[in-house]
Amino acid sequence: MCEKSAKKPCKFGRIKPGGPPALRLAIPAGLVIATVIGIVLQSAPIFPHNTMNAWLRALLIGVCVAPASIALVWAVVVDRSTVPGAIPNPEHSVEFTWYDQAAKDSFHLLLAGTGLGATLTSFWLPPMVSWTLIAVFAFAALVFAVSYLVRRES
């Protein structure tokens, strides 16, 4: 008798090396999560309750959310070393460097644009536009400050 020494490679990776395929867990768990989200959102007061059957609305919401929830569960449970073609350290890749620099550039341009925009719109447009830009600027600056403090402490 001939025994297989290694399991067949899995296109979407495994939960752990030699373990079950990641999609075997991700699909049912993602569908359960999508169903729960559909039921919770359907029962939320944001929808008028007389326009459609409640179960149909929950089903449609669940169907729309299912791909994202399956992908999220897969990303949490998959072992990167079992995914064919995955690089071992993605944080050291050229694409990551480009992404990191683009994120830095866009953040600084967001701060400059909202600050300048708030100043200019305060002279020519209704005050609500200026206050909105000030709020976006303040939110971005607050998120940056919290992120900086968290990284400094770790």
N, C-alpha and C. Protein backbone atom coordinates (compact mmCIF):
# COMPACT_ATOMS: atom_id res chain seq x y z
N MET A 1 0.83 -1.19 0.00
CA MET A 1 0.00 0.00 0.00
C MET A 1 0.86 1.25 0.00
N CYS A 2 0.38 2.22 -0.69
CA CYS A 2 1.13 3.47 -0.79
C CYS A 2 0.40 4.54 0.01
N GLU A 3 1.09 5.17 0.95
CA GLU A 3 0.48 6.23 1.74
C GLU A 3 0.92 7.58 1.18
N LYS A 4 0.04 8.52 1.25
CA LYS A 4 0.40 9.87 0.84
C LYS A 4 1.21 10.52 1.95
N SER A 5 2.35 11.06 1.59
CA SER A 5 3.19 11.69 2.61
C SER A 5 2.80 13.15 2.84
N ALA A 6 2.18 13.77 1.88
CA ALA A 6 1.77 15.17 2.03
C ALA A 6 0.37 15.34 1.47
N LYS A 7 -0.37 16.23 2.11
CA LYS A 7 -1.72 16.52 1.62
C LYS A 7 -1.65 17.32 0.34
N LYS A 8 -2.70 17.20 -0.45
CA LYS A 8 -2.81 17.94 -1.70
C LYS A 8 -2.78 19.45 -1.40
N PRO A 9 -2.01 20.23 -2.17
CA PRO A 9 -1.99 21.67 -1.91
C PRO A 9 -3.38 22.28 -2.12
N CYS A 10 -3.71 23.23 -1.29
CA CYS A 10 -5.03 23.86 -1.33
C CYS A 10 -4.88 25.28 -1.90
N LYS A 11 -5.67 25.59 -2.91
CA LYS A 11 -5.55 26.86 -3.63
C LYS A 11 -5.72 28.07 -2.72
N PHE A 12 -6.62 27.97 -1.74
CA PHE A 12 -6.90 29.09 -0.86
C PHE A 12 -6.30 28.94 0.53
N GLY A 13 -5.36 28.02 0.69
CA GLY A 13 -4.67 27.88 1.96
C GLY A 13 -5.41 26.99 2.95
N ARG A 14 -4.71 26.71 4.02
CA ARG A 14 -5.24 25.86 5.08
C ARG A 14 -5.25 26.62 6.39
N ILE A 15 -5.98 26.07 7.36
CA ILE A 15 -6.04 26.70 8.67
C ILE A 15 -4.69 26.63 9.36
N LYS A 16 -4.00 25.51 9.22
CA LYS A 16 -2.64 25.33 9.71
C LYS A 16 -1.96 24.35 8.77
N PRO A 17 -0.65 24.28 8.75
CA PRO A 17 0.00 23.32 7.86
C PRO A 17 -0.48 21.90 8.15
N GLY A 18 -0.97 21.23 7.13
CA GLY A 18 -1.51 19.89 7.28
C GLY A 18 -2.93 19.86 7.80
N GLY A 19 -3.51 21.01 8.07
CA GLY A 19 -4.88 21.08 8.59
C GLY A 19 -5.91 21.14 7.49
N PRO A 20 -7.17 21.33 7.86
CA PRO A 20 -8.23 21.40 6.86
C PRO A 20 -8.15 22.69 6.05
N PRO A 21 -8.73 22.70 4.84
CA PRO A 21 -8.74 23.93 4.04
C PRO A 21 -9.45 25.06 4.78
N ALA A 22 -8.93 26.27 4.62
CA ALA A 22 -9.48 27.43 5.32
C ALA A 22 -10.91 27.72 4.89
N LEU A 23 -11.24 27.46 3.62
CA LEU A 23 -12.60 27.74 3.15
C LEU A 23 -13.63 26.80 3.78
N ARG A 24 -13.18 25.64 4.24
CA ARG A 24 -14.10 24.69 4.87
C ARG A 24 -14.67 25.28 6.16
N LEU A 25 -13.93 26.15 6.82
CA LEU A 25 -14.43 26.83 8.00
C LEU A 25 -14.99 28.21 7.65
N ALA A 26 -14.36 28.90 6.71
CA ALA A 26 -14.72 30.28 6.41
C ALA A 26 -16.12 30.40 5.80
N ILE A 27 -16.49 29.49 4.92
CA ILE A 27 -17.80 29.61 4.25
C ILE A 27 -18.95 29.45 5.24
N PRO A 28 -19.02 28.36 6.03
CA PRO A 28 -20.15 28.27 6.97
C PRO A 28 -20.14 29.37 8.03
N ALA A 29 -18.96 29.68 8.57
CA ALA A 29 -18.90 30.73 9.59
C ALA A 29 -19.29 32.08 9.00
N GLY A 30 -18.83 32.38 7.79
CA GLY A 30 -19.18 33.63 7.13
C GLY A 30 -20.67 33.73 6.84
N LEU A 31 -21.27 32.62 6.44
CA LEU A 31 -22.72 32.63 6.19
C LEU A 31 -23.51 32.83 7.47
N VAL A 32 -23.05 32.24 8.56
CA VAL A 32 -23.72 32.46 9.85
C VAL A 32 -23.62 33.93 10.25
N ILE A 33 -22.43 34.50 10.10
CA ILE A 33 -22.24 35.92 10.43
C ILE A 33 -23.12 36.80 9.55
N ALA A 34 -23.19 36.49 8.25
CA ALA A 34 -24.02 37.27 7.33
C ALA A 34 -25.49 37.15 7.71
N THR A 35 -25.92 35.96 8.11
CA THR A 35 -27.31 35.77 8.52
C THR A 35 -27.62 36.59 9.76
N VAL A 36 -26.73 36.58 10.73
CA VAL A 36 -26.93 37.36 11.96
C VAL A 36 -26.98 38.85 11.63
N ILE A 37 -26.07 39.31 10.78
CA ILE A 37 -26.08 40.72 10.38
C ILE A 37 -27.37 41.07 9.66
N GLY A 38 -27.84 40.18 8.77
CA GLY A 38 -29.10 40.42 8.07
C GLY A 38 -30.27 40.52 9.01
N ILE A 39 -30.33 39.64 10.00
CA ILE A 39 -31.45 39.66 10.96
C ILE A 39 -31.38 40.91 11.83
N VAL A 40 -30.17 41.27 12.29
CA VAL A 40 -30.03 42.44 13.15
C VAL A 40 -30.38 43.72 12.38
N LEU A 41 -29.86 43.85 11.16
CA LEU A 41 -30.15 45.06 10.39
C LEU A 41 -31.61 45.13 9.96
N GLN A 42 -32.19 43.98 9.67
CA GLN A 42 -33.60 43.96 9.27
C GLN A 42 -34.48 44.44 10.40
N SER A 43 -34.12 44.10 11.61
CA SER A 43 -34.96 44.49 12.74
C SER A 43 -34.65 45.90 13.24
N ALA A 44 -33.65 46.55 12.67
CA ALA A 44 -33.31 47.92 13.06
C ALA A 44 -34.42 48.87 12.61
N PRO A 45 -34.59 49.94 13.33
CA PRO A 45 -35.69 50.87 12.99
C PRO A 45 -35.43 51.72 11.76
N ILE A 46 -34.31 51.52 11.05
CA ILE A 46 -34.03 52.36 9.88
C ILE A 46 -34.88 51.97 8.68
N PHE A 47 -35.45 50.75 8.69
CA PHE A 47 -36.28 50.30 7.59
C PHE A 47 -37.74 50.44 7.95
N PRO A 48 -38.57 50.93 7.02
CA PRO A 48 -40.01 50.88 7.29
C PRO A 48 -40.45 49.42 7.26
N HIS A 49 -41.20 49.01 8.26
CA HIS A 49 -41.53 47.59 8.41
C HIS A 49 -42.72 47.13 7.57
N ASN A 50 -43.27 47.99 6.75
CA ASN A 50 -44.42 47.55 5.97
C ASN A 50 -44.15 47.46 4.48
N THR A 51 -42.90 47.63 4.04
CA THR A 51 -42.63 47.65 2.61
C THR A 51 -42.32 46.27 2.03
N MET A 52 -41.81 45.37 2.81
CA MET A 52 -41.39 44.07 2.30
C MET A 52 -41.45 43.07 3.44
N ASN A 53 -41.57 41.81 3.09
CA ASN A 53 -41.54 40.80 4.15
C ASN A 53 -40.22 40.88 4.90
N ALA A 54 -40.29 40.73 6.19
CA ALA A 54 -39.10 40.86 7.02
C ALA A 54 -38.07 39.79 6.69
N TRP A 55 -38.49 38.57 6.46
CA TRP A 55 -37.54 37.49 6.19
C TRP A 55 -36.84 37.71 4.85
N LEU A 56 -37.55 38.29 3.87
CA LEU A 56 -36.96 38.56 2.57
C LEU A 56 -35.91 39.66 2.68
N ARG A 57 -36.21 40.70 3.46
CA ARG A 57 -35.26 41.77 3.67
C ARG A 57 -34.02 41.24 4.38
N ALA A 58 -34.19 40.41 5.40
CA ALA A 58 -33.05 39.83 6.10
C ALA A 58 -32.22 38.96 5.16
N LEU A 59 -32.89 38.21 4.30
CA LEU A 59 -32.19 37.36 3.34
C LEU A 59 -31.38 38.20 2.36
N LEU A 60 -31.96 39.27 1.84
CA LEU A 60 -31.25 40.13 0.89
C LEU A 60 -30.05 40.81 1.54
N ILE A 61 -30.20 41.26 2.76
CA ILE A 61 -29.07 41.88 3.46
C ILE A 61 -27.98 40.84 3.67
N GLY A 62 -28.38 39.64 4.10
CA GLY A 62 -27.40 38.57 4.32
C GLY A 62 -26.66 38.20 3.05
N VAL A 63 -27.37 38.13 1.93
CA VAL A 63 -26.73 37.81 0.65
C VAL A 63 -25.72 38.90 0.26
N CYS A 64 -26.06 40.14 0.52
CA CYS A 64 -25.14 41.24 0.19
C CYS A 64 -23.91 41.24 1.08
N VAL A 65 -24.06 40.84 2.32
CA VAL A 65 -22.96 40.88 3.29
C VAL A 65 -22.12 39.59 3.25
N ALA A 66 -22.67 38.51 2.72
CA ALA A 66 -22.01 37.20 2.77
C ALA A 66 -20.60 37.18 2.17
N PRO A 67 -20.36 37.71 0.99
CA PRO A 67 -18.99 37.64 0.46
C PRO A 67 -17.96 38.32 1.37
N ALA A 68 -18.32 39.47 1.90
CA ALA A 68 -17.38 40.17 2.77
C ALA A 68 -17.16 39.42 4.08
N SER A 69 -18.21 38.84 4.63
CA SER A 69 -18.04 38.11 5.89
C SER A 69 -17.25 36.82 5.69
N ILE A 70 -17.45 36.14 4.58
CA ILE A 70 -16.66 34.93 4.28
C ILE A 70 -15.19 35.32 4.11
N ALA A 71 -14.92 36.39 3.39
CA ALA A 71 -13.54 36.84 3.19
C ALA A 71 -12.89 37.24 4.51
N LEU A 72 -13.65 37.88 5.38
CA LEU A 72 -13.11 38.28 6.67
C LEU A 72 -12.76 37.07 7.53
N VAL A 73 -13.65 36.08 7.57
CA VAL A 73 -13.36 34.87 8.34
C VAL A 73 -12.15 34.15 7.74
N TRP A 74 -12.08 34.07 6.41
CA TRP A 74 -10.94 33.43 5.77
C TRP A 74 -9.64 34.13 6.15
N ALA A 75 -9.64 35.47 6.11
CA ALA A 75 -8.43 36.23 6.44
C ALA A 75 -7.99 36.00 7.88
N VAL A 76 -8.95 35.76 8.76
CA VAL A 76 -8.61 35.53 10.16
C VAL A 76 -8.06 34.13 10.38
N VAL A 77 -8.61 33.11 9.70
CA VAL A 77 -8.24 31.72 10.01
C VAL A 77 -7.13 31.15 9.13
N VAL A 78 -6.86 31.72 7.97
CA VAL A 78 -5.89 31.11 7.06
C VAL A 78 -4.46 31.28 7.58
N ASP A 79 -3.65 30.28 7.36
CA ASP A 79 -2.22 30.34 7.66
C ASP A 79 -1.52 30.76 6.38
N ARG A 80 -0.90 31.94 6.39
CA ARG A 80 -0.29 32.49 5.17
C ARG A 80 0.73 31.55 4.55
N SER A 81 1.39 30.75 5.36
CA SER A 81 2.42 29.88 4.80
C SER A 81 1.84 28.75 3.96
N THR A 82 0.53 28.54 4.04
CA THR A 82 -0.11 27.47 3.26
C THR A 82 -0.75 27.98 1.98
N VAL A 83 -0.73 29.28 1.74
CA VAL A 83 -1.32 29.86 0.53
C VAL A 83 -0.26 29.83 -0.57
N PRO A 84 -0.53 29.12 -1.68
CA PRO A 84 0.47 29.07 -2.76
C PRO A 84 0.74 30.46 -3.34
N GLY A 85 2.01 30.79 -3.46
CA GLY A 85 2.40 32.07 -4.06
C GLY A 85 2.46 33.23 -3.09
N ALA A 86 2.06 33.04 -1.83
CA ALA A 86 2.11 34.13 -0.87
C ALA A 86 3.56 34.37 -0.44
N ILE A 87 3.92 35.62 -0.38
CA ILE A 87 5.29 35.93 0.05
C ILE A 87 5.35 35.86 1.58
N PRO A 88 6.49 35.44 2.12
CA PRO A 88 6.56 35.23 3.57
C PRO A 88 6.47 36.51 4.39
N ASN A 89 7.03 37.60 3.93
CA ASN A 89 7.02 38.86 4.69
C ASN A 89 6.48 39.97 3.81
N PRO A 90 5.16 40.12 3.71
CA PRO A 90 4.61 41.14 2.81
C PRO A 90 4.96 42.56 3.22
N GLU A 91 5.29 42.76 4.49
CA GLU A 91 5.63 44.12 4.93
C GLU A 91 6.98 44.59 4.41
N HIS A 92 7.74 43.69 3.79
CA HIS A 92 9.03 44.05 3.21
C HIS A 92 8.99 44.12 1.68
N SER A 93 7.81 44.13 1.10
CA SER A 93 7.69 44.14 -0.35
C SER A 93 7.69 45.57 -0.89
N VAL A 94 7.94 45.70 -2.17
CA VAL A 94 7.94 47.01 -2.82
C VAL A 94 6.54 47.61 -2.80
N GLU A 95 5.52 46.78 -3.03
CA GLU A 95 4.14 47.27 -3.03
C GLU A 95 3.75 47.84 -1.68
N PHE A 96 4.21 47.21 -0.61
CA PHE A 96 3.90 47.72 0.73
C PHE A 96 4.56 49.08 0.94
N THR A 97 5.78 49.24 0.44
CA THR A 97 6.47 50.52 0.55
C THR A 97 5.70 51.60 -0.21
N TRP A 98 5.24 51.27 -1.41
CA TRP A 98 4.45 52.22 -2.20
C TRP A 98 3.15 52.57 -1.48
N TYR A 99 2.48 51.56 -0.94
CA TYR A 99 1.23 51.79 -0.22
C TYR A 99 1.46 52.68 1.00
N ASP A 100 2.51 52.38 1.75
CA ASP A 100 2.82 53.14 2.96
C ASP A 100 3.09 54.61 2.62
N GLN A 101 3.86 54.85 1.56
CA GLN A 101 4.17 56.22 1.17
C GLN A 101 2.93 56.94 0.65
N ALA A 102 2.08 56.23 -0.11
CA ALA A 102 0.84 56.84 -0.60
C ALA A 102 -0.09 57.20 0.55
N ALA A 103 -0.15 56.35 1.58
CA ALA A 103 -0.99 56.65 2.74
C ALA A 103 -0.48 57.88 3.47
N LYS A 104 0.83 57.99 3.62
CA LYS A 104 1.40 59.17 4.27
C LYS A 104 1.11 60.43 3.46
N ASP A 105 1.34 60.36 2.15
CA ASP A 105 1.09 61.51 1.30
C ASP A 105 -0.37 61.94 1.34
N SER A 106 -1.28 60.98 1.22
CA SER A 106 -2.70 61.33 1.20
C SER A 106 -3.15 61.91 2.53
N PHE A 107 -2.60 61.42 3.65
CA PHE A 107 -2.96 61.98 4.95
C PHE A 107 -2.52 63.43 5.04
N HIS A 108 -1.28 63.71 4.64
CA HIS A 108 -0.80 65.08 4.72
C HIS A 108 -1.57 66.01 3.78
N LEU A 109 -1.91 65.51 2.61
CA LEU A 109 -2.73 66.32 1.69
C LEU A 109 -4.14 66.52 2.22
N LEU A 110 -4.68 65.53 2.91
CA LEU A 110 -6.00 65.68 3.54
C LEU A 110 -5.96 66.80 4.58
N LEU A 111 -4.95 66.81 5.42
CA LEU A 111 -4.84 67.86 6.42
C LEU A 111 -4.69 69.23 5.76
N ALA A 112 -3.80 69.33 4.77
CA ALA A 112 -3.59 70.62 4.10
C ALA A 112 -4.86 71.05 3.36
N GLY A 113 -5.50 70.13 2.66
CA GLY A 113 -6.69 70.47 1.88
C GLY A 113 -7.86 70.88 2.74
N THR A 114 -8.10 70.16 3.83
CA THR A 114 -9.24 70.52 4.68
C THR A 114 -8.96 71.81 5.44
N GLY A 115 -7.72 72.02 5.86
CA GLY A 115 -7.40 73.28 6.55
C GLY A 115 -7.54 74.48 5.63
N LEU A 116 -6.96 74.37 4.44
CA LEU A 116 -7.06 75.46 3.47
C LEU A 116 -8.51 75.63 3.00
N GLY A 117 -9.18 74.49 2.76
CA GLY A 117 -10.58 74.55 2.33
C GLY A 117 -11.48 75.20 3.37
N ALA A 118 -11.27 74.88 4.64
CA ALA A 118 -12.07 75.48 5.70
C ALA A 118 -11.85 76.99 5.77
N THR A 119 -10.61 77.40 5.57
CA THR A 119 -10.29 78.83 5.59
C THR A 119 -10.96 79.56 4.43
N LEU A 120 -10.81 79.01 3.22
CA LEU A 120 -11.36 79.68 2.04
C LEU A 120 -12.88 79.66 2.03
N THR A 121 -13.48 78.54 2.42
CA THR A 121 -14.95 78.47 2.39
C THR A 121 -15.59 79.33 3.47
N SER A 122 -14.84 79.68 4.50
CA SER A 122 -15.42 80.54 5.53
C SER A 122 -15.70 81.94 4.99
N PHE A 123 -15.05 82.33 3.89
CA PHE A 123 -15.27 83.65 3.31
C PHE A 123 -16.38 83.66 2.26
N TRP A 124 -16.55 82.56 1.51
CA TRP A 124 -17.44 82.61 0.35
C TRP A 124 -18.63 81.68 0.40
N LEU A 125 -18.62 80.66 1.22
CA LEU A 125 -19.70 79.68 1.22
C LEU A 125 -20.43 79.68 2.56
N PRO A 126 -21.58 78.98 2.64
CA PRO A 126 -22.30 78.93 3.91
C PRO A 126 -21.42 78.32 5.01
N PRO A 127 -21.65 78.71 6.25
CA PRO A 127 -20.80 78.25 7.35
C PRO A 127 -20.78 76.72 7.52
N MET A 128 -21.82 76.05 7.09
CA MET A 128 -21.88 74.60 7.27
C MET A 128 -20.74 73.90 6.52
N VAL A 129 -20.38 74.41 5.35
CA VAL A 129 -19.30 73.81 4.58
C VAL A 129 -17.98 73.95 5.34
N SER A 130 -17.74 75.12 5.88
CA SER A 130 -16.51 75.36 6.63
C SER A 130 -16.46 74.49 7.87
N TRP A 131 -17.57 74.38 8.59
CA TRP A 131 -17.61 73.55 9.80
C TRP A 131 -17.41 72.07 9.47
N THR A 132 -17.92 71.63 8.34
CA THR A 132 -17.73 70.24 7.93
C THR A 132 -16.25 69.96 7.67
N LEU A 133 -15.59 70.86 6.96
CA LEU A 133 -14.17 70.68 6.70
C LEU A 133 -13.35 70.75 7.99
N ILE A 134 -13.74 71.60 8.90
CA ILE A 134 -13.06 71.67 10.20
C ILE A 134 -13.23 70.37 10.95
N ALA A 135 -14.43 69.78 10.89
CA ALA A 135 -14.67 68.50 11.57
C ALA A 135 -13.84 67.38 10.96
N VAL A 136 -13.73 67.34 9.63
CA VAL A 136 -12.90 66.32 8.97
C VAL A 136 -11.44 66.50 9.38
N PHE A 137 -10.97 67.74 9.40
CA PHE A 137 -9.59 68.02 9.81
C PHE A 137 -9.37 67.57 11.25
N ALA A 138 -10.28 67.93 12.15
CA ALA A 138 -10.14 67.57 13.56
C ALA A 138 -10.16 66.06 13.76
N PHE A 139 -11.04 65.37 13.03
CA PHE A 139 -11.10 63.91 13.14
C PHE A 139 -9.79 63.28 12.67
N ALA A 140 -9.27 63.73 11.54
CA ALA A 140 -8.01 63.17 11.02
C ALA A 140 -6.86 63.44 11.99
N ALA A 141 -6.81 64.63 12.54
CA ALA A 141 -5.75 64.96 13.49
C ALA A 141 -5.88 64.15 14.77
N LEU A 142 -7.10 63.93 15.24
CA LEU A 142 -7.32 63.13 16.45
C LEU A 142 -6.92 61.67 16.23
N VAL A 143 -7.30 61.11 15.10
CA VAL A 143 -6.93 59.73 14.79
C VAL A 143 -5.41 59.60 14.71
N PHE A 144 -4.75 60.58 14.10
CA PHE A 144 -3.29 60.56 14.02
C PHE A 144 -2.67 60.62 15.41
N ALA A 145 -3.18 61.51 16.27
CA ALA A 145 -2.62 61.66 17.62
C ALA A 145 -2.78 60.38 18.43
N VAL A 146 -3.96 59.76 18.37
CA VAL A 146 -4.18 58.52 19.11
C VAL A 146 -3.27 57.42 18.59
N SER A 147 -3.16 57.30 17.27
CA SER A 147 -2.29 56.30 16.67
C SER A 147 -0.83 56.52 17.07
N TYR A 148 -0.40 57.76 17.08
CA TYR A 148 0.96 58.07 17.47
C TYR A 148 1.22 57.68 18.92
N LEU A 149 0.30 58.02 19.80
CA LEU A 149 0.48 57.70 21.21
C LEU A 149 0.47 56.19 21.46
N VAL A 150 -0.40 55.46 20.76
CA VAL A 150 -0.44 54.01 20.91
C VAL A 150 0.87 53.39 20.44
N ARG A 151 1.39 53.83 19.31
CA ARG A 151 2.65 53.29 18.78
C ARG A 151 3.83 53.67 19.68
N ARG A 152 3.79 54.85 20.27
CA ARG A 152 4.88 55.27 21.15
C ARG A 152 4.93 54.42 22.42
N GLU A 153 3.76 54.02 22.91
CA GLU A 153 3.71 53.22 24.14
C GLU A 153 4.05 51.75 23.90
N SER A 154 3.90 51.27 22.66
CA SER A 154 4.16 49.84 22.42
C SER A 154 5.58 49.58 21.98
